[in-house]
Amino acid sequence: MSVQEPLTDLPPSAKLVYKVLEYDGPLTQKQIVEESMLSPRTVRYAIERLDDIGVVSERVYFADARQSLYEIDEDAMAEATVQPDTCTCAE
């Protein structure tokens, strides 16, 4: 199973947040709202859904400890990525 497979079942907002984090991460929730132009509530829901499937991680934002910093979990992505099978069929 690849990372793209669990993402296909997510709402479009969660896919957008995933792409924003992929290209611009790590970001705070406020920064994700600004980059994605989604509402704060929608971003919270999207982050929750991404966390449910284990592709996003959260850590303390040291510039403001009241906020969290979100990023794509590279370890989870590596585990979920399927290596291509080598073809052993005769031509």
N, C-alpha and C. Protein backbone atom coordinates (compact mmCIF):
# COMPACT_ATOMS: atom_id res chain seq x y z
N MET A 1 0.84 -1.18 0.00
CA MET A 1 0.00 0.00 0.00
C MET A 1 0.89 1.24 0.00
N SER A 2 0.63 2.19 -0.87
CA SER A 2 1.39 3.42 -0.91
C SER A 2 0.68 4.49 -0.10
N VAL A 3 1.38 5.59 0.15
CA VAL A 3 0.78 6.70 0.89
C VAL A 3 -0.41 7.26 0.11
N GLN A 4 -0.35 7.22 -1.21
CA GLN A 4 -1.43 7.77 -2.02
C GLN A 4 -2.73 7.01 -1.82
N GLU A 5 -2.68 5.72 -1.53
CA GLU A 5 -3.90 4.94 -1.34
C GLU A 5 -4.75 5.44 -0.18
N PRO A 6 -4.19 5.62 1.04
CA PRO A 6 -5.03 6.14 2.12
C PRO A 6 -5.49 7.57 1.84
N LEU A 7 -4.71 8.34 1.10
CA LEU A 7 -5.09 9.71 0.80
C LEU A 7 -6.29 9.78 -0.12
N THR A 8 -6.49 8.79 -0.97
CA THR A 8 -7.60 8.82 -1.91
C THR A 8 -8.96 8.81 -1.21
N ASP A 9 -9.02 8.28 -0.01
CA ASP A 9 -10.28 8.23 0.73
C ASP A 9 -10.55 9.49 1.56
N LEU A 10 -9.60 10.41 1.58
CA LEU A 10 -9.75 11.62 2.38
C LEU A 10 -10.53 12.70 1.63
N PRO A 11 -11.13 13.64 2.37
CA PRO A 11 -11.81 14.75 1.70
C PRO A 11 -10.79 15.66 0.99
N PRO A 12 -11.24 16.42 0.02
CA PRO A 12 -10.32 17.30 -0.73
C PRO A 12 -9.54 18.27 0.16
N SER A 13 -10.15 18.73 1.23
CA SER A 13 -9.45 19.66 2.12
C SER A 13 -8.23 19.00 2.77
N ALA A 14 -8.36 17.75 3.16
CA ALA A 14 -7.23 17.03 3.77
C ALA A 14 -6.13 16.79 2.75
N LYS A 15 -6.51 16.52 1.50
CA LYS A 15 -5.51 16.34 0.45
C LYS A 15 -4.77 17.65 0.19
N LEU A 16 -5.51 18.77 0.23
CA LEU A 16 -4.87 20.07 0.03
C LEU A 16 -3.90 20.38 1.17
N VAL A 17 -4.30 20.12 2.40
CA VAL A 17 -3.41 20.35 3.54
C VAL A 17 -2.17 19.46 3.43
N TYR A 18 -2.35 18.23 3.00
CA TYR A 18 -1.21 17.33 2.80
C TYR A 18 -0.23 17.93 1.79
N LYS A 19 -0.75 18.43 0.67
CA LYS A 19 0.11 19.01 -0.37
C LYS A 19 0.79 20.28 0.12
N VAL A 20 0.08 21.11 0.88
CA VAL A 20 0.69 22.32 1.44
C VAL A 20 1.85 21.94 2.35
N LEU A 21 1.64 20.94 3.20
CA LEU A 21 2.71 20.49 4.09
C LEU A 21 3.85 19.85 3.30
N GLU A 22 3.50 19.14 2.25
CA GLU A 22 4.52 18.50 1.43
C GLU A 22 5.44 19.55 0.77
N TYR A 23 4.85 20.62 0.28
CA TYR A 23 5.63 21.64 -0.43
C TYR A 23 6.22 22.70 0.49
N ASP A 24 5.50 23.10 1.55
CA ASP A 24 5.93 24.23 2.37
C ASP A 24 6.22 23.89 3.82
N GLY A 25 5.99 22.66 4.23
CA GLY A 25 6.09 22.30 5.65
C GLY A 25 7.49 22.33 6.19
N PRO A 26 7.65 22.26 7.47
CA PRO A 26 6.64 22.23 8.52
C PRO A 26 6.00 23.61 8.73
N LEU A 27 4.71 23.60 9.11
CA LEU A 27 3.95 24.82 9.29
C LEU A 27 3.05 24.72 10.51
N THR A 28 2.71 25.88 11.07
CA THR A 28 1.71 25.93 12.13
C THR A 28 0.33 25.86 11.49
N GLN A 29 -0.67 25.64 12.32
CA GLN A 29 -2.03 25.60 11.79
C GLN A 29 -2.40 26.94 11.15
N LYS A 30 -1.99 28.03 11.77
CA LYS A 30 -2.28 29.36 11.23
C LYS A 30 -1.62 29.55 9.86
N GLN A 31 -0.39 29.07 9.72
CA GLN A 31 0.31 29.17 8.43
C GLN A 31 -0.36 28.31 7.37
N ILE A 32 -0.86 27.14 7.77
CA ILE A 32 -1.58 26.27 6.83
C ILE A 32 -2.86 26.96 6.36
N VAL A 33 -3.56 27.63 7.28
CA VAL A 33 -4.77 28.37 6.92
C VAL A 33 -4.43 29.44 5.88
N GLU A 34 -3.34 30.17 6.11
CA GLU A 34 -2.94 31.23 5.17
C GLU A 34 -2.54 30.67 3.81
N GLU A 35 -1.79 29.58 3.80
CA GLU A 35 -1.32 29.00 2.54
C GLU A 35 -2.43 28.33 1.74
N SER A 36 -3.33 27.65 2.44
CA SER A 36 -4.37 26.88 1.76
C SER A 36 -5.63 27.70 1.48
N MET A 37 -5.80 28.80 2.20
CA MET A 37 -7.00 29.64 2.12
C MET A 37 -8.26 28.87 2.57
N LEU A 38 -8.07 27.86 3.41
CA LEU A 38 -9.18 27.14 4.03
C LEU A 38 -9.48 27.78 5.38
N SER A 39 -10.65 27.51 5.91
CA SER A 39 -11.01 28.05 7.23
C SER A 39 -10.22 27.31 8.31
N PRO A 40 -10.02 27.96 9.47
CA PRO A 40 -9.31 27.28 10.56
C PRO A 40 -9.97 25.97 10.97
N ARG A 41 -11.29 25.94 11.00
CA ARG A 41 -12.00 24.72 11.37
C ARG A 41 -11.74 23.60 10.36
N THR A 42 -11.74 23.93 9.08
CA THR A 42 -11.48 22.94 8.03
C THR A 42 -10.06 22.42 8.14
N VAL A 43 -9.12 23.29 8.43
CA VAL A 43 -7.71 22.87 8.58
C VAL A 43 -7.57 21.96 9.78
N ARG A 44 -8.22 22.29 10.88
CA ARG A 44 -8.17 21.41 12.07
C ARG A 44 -8.70 20.03 11.73
N TYR A 45 -9.82 19.97 11.04
CA TYR A 45 -10.41 18.69 10.65
C TYR A 45 -9.47 17.92 9.72
N ALA A 46 -8.88 18.62 8.75
CA ALA A 46 -7.96 17.97 7.80
C ALA A 46 -6.74 17.41 8.53
N ILE A 47 -6.19 18.17 9.45
CA ILE A 47 -5.03 17.70 10.22
C ILE A 47 -5.40 16.47 11.03
N GLU A 48 -6.59 16.50 11.61
CA GLU A 48 -7.07 15.34 12.39
C GLU A 48 -7.18 14.10 11.51
N ARG A 49 -7.72 14.25 10.33
CA ARG A 49 -7.86 13.12 9.41
C ARG A 49 -6.48 12.61 8.98
N LEU A 50 -5.54 13.52 8.68
CA LEU A 50 -4.19 13.11 8.28
C LEU A 50 -3.48 12.40 9.44
N ASP A 51 -3.73 12.87 10.65
CA ASP A 51 -3.14 12.23 11.82
C ASP A 51 -3.73 10.83 12.03
N ASP A 52 -5.02 10.68 11.73
CA ASP A 52 -5.68 9.38 11.88
C ASP A 52 -5.02 8.31 11.01
N ILE A 53 -4.56 8.68 9.81
CA ILE A 53 -3.92 7.68 8.95
C ILE A 53 -2.40 7.69 9.12
N GLY A 54 -1.89 8.55 10.02
CA GLY A 54 -0.48 8.51 10.39
C GLY A 54 0.50 9.13 9.42
N VAL A 55 0.06 10.09 8.61
CA VAL A 55 1.00 10.69 7.66
C VAL A 55 1.46 12.08 8.07
N VAL A 56 0.96 12.59 9.19
CA VAL A 56 1.38 13.90 9.66
C VAL A 56 1.83 13.77 11.11
N SER A 57 2.86 14.54 11.46
CA SER A 57 3.33 14.54 12.85
C SER A 57 3.24 15.96 13.40
N GLU A 58 3.14 16.04 14.71
CA GLU A 58 2.97 17.30 15.41
C GLU A 58 4.10 17.46 16.41
N ARG A 59 4.65 18.67 16.48
CA ARG A 59 5.67 18.95 17.49
C ARG A 59 5.52 20.37 17.98
N VAL A 60 6.22 20.71 19.04
CA VAL A 60 6.12 22.04 19.65
C VAL A 60 6.76 23.07 18.73
N TYR A 61 6.08 24.20 18.58
CA TYR A 61 6.60 25.34 17.82
C TYR A 61 7.29 26.24 18.83
N PHE A 62 8.61 26.24 18.84
CA PHE A 62 9.36 26.93 19.88
C PHE A 62 9.21 28.44 19.83
N ALA A 63 8.89 29.02 18.70
CA ALA A 63 8.68 30.47 18.61
C ALA A 63 7.43 30.89 19.38
N ASP A 64 6.46 29.99 19.51
CA ASP A 64 5.24 30.23 20.26
C ASP A 64 4.73 28.88 20.75
N ALA A 65 5.04 28.55 21.99
CA ALA A 65 4.73 27.23 22.53
C ALA A 65 3.24 26.93 22.61
N ARG A 66 2.38 27.95 22.38
CA ARG A 66 0.94 27.70 22.36
C ARG A 66 0.49 27.03 21.06
N GLN A 67 1.36 27.07 20.06
CA GLN A 67 1.03 26.50 18.76
C GLN A 67 1.83 25.22 18.53
N SER A 68 1.36 24.45 17.58
CA SER A 68 2.06 23.24 17.18
C SER A 68 2.56 23.41 15.76
N LEU A 69 3.60 22.67 15.44
CA LEU A 69 4.16 22.66 14.11
C LEU A 69 3.82 21.32 13.49
N TYR A 70 3.26 21.33 12.29
CA TYR A 70 2.85 20.10 11.61
C TYR A 70 3.73 19.86 10.40
N GLU A 71 4.04 18.60 10.18
CA GLU A 71 4.83 18.23 9.02
C GLU A 71 4.48 16.81 8.59
N ILE A 72 4.83 16.51 7.34
CA ILE A 72 4.61 15.16 6.83
C ILE A 72 5.55 14.23 7.56
N ASP A 73 5.03 13.11 8.04
CA ASP A 73 5.83 12.13 8.78
C ASP A 73 6.59 11.27 7.77
N GLU A 74 7.86 11.58 7.58
CA GLU A 74 8.69 10.88 6.58
C GLU A 74 8.82 9.39 6.90
N ASP A 75 8.87 9.04 8.18
CA ASP A 75 8.98 7.63 8.56
C ASP A 75 7.73 6.85 8.15
N ALA A 76 6.57 7.44 8.38
CA ALA A 76 5.32 6.77 7.99
C ALA A 76 5.24 6.65 6.48
N MET A 77 5.70 7.66 5.77
CA MET A 77 5.68 7.61 4.32
C MET A 77 6.59 6.51 3.81
N ALA A 78 7.76 6.36 4.40
CA ALA A 78 8.70 5.34 3.97
C ALA A 78 8.14 3.94 4.21
N GLU A 79 7.46 3.76 5.33
CA GLU A 79 6.87 2.46 5.64
C GLU A 79 5.70 2.13 4.72
N ALA A 80 4.95 3.15 4.32
CA ALA A 80 3.76 2.91 3.51
C ALA A 80 4.07 2.78 2.02
N THR A 81 5.24 3.23 1.61
CA THR A 81 5.59 3.18 0.20
C THR A 81 5.93 1.75 -0.20
N VAL A 82 5.35 1.31 -1.27
CA VAL A 82 5.59 -0.02 -1.78
C VAL A 82 6.72 0.03 -2.79
N GLN A 83 7.66 -0.88 -2.65
CA GLN A 83 8.73 -0.98 -3.62
C GLN A 83 8.19 -1.66 -4.86
N PRO A 84 8.54 -1.20 -6.04
CA PRO A 84 8.02 -1.82 -7.26
C PRO A 84 8.50 -3.27 -7.38
N ASP A 85 7.60 -4.13 -7.83
CA ASP A 85 7.95 -5.53 -8.03
C ASP A 85 8.78 -5.66 -9.29
N THR A 86 9.70 -6.57 -9.22
CA THR A 86 10.49 -6.84 -10.43
C THR A 86 9.78 -7.92 -11.21
N CYS A 87 9.69 -7.74 -12.46
CA CYS A 87 8.99 -8.70 -13.32
C CYS A 87 9.91 -9.89 -13.61
N THR A 88 9.41 -11.08 -13.33
CA THR A 88 10.19 -12.29 -13.61
C THR A 88 9.60 -13.07 -14.78
N CYS A 89 8.69 -12.41 -15.49
CA CYS A 89 8.03 -13.10 -16.59
C CYS A 89 8.94 -13.10 -17.82
N ALA A 90 8.84 -14.16 -18.61
CA ALA A 90 9.64 -14.28 -19.82
C ALA A 90 9.00 -13.48 -20.95
N GLU A 91 9.83 -12.87 -21.73
CA GLU A 91 9.30 -12.08 -22.85
C GLU A 91 9.27 -12.90 -24.10
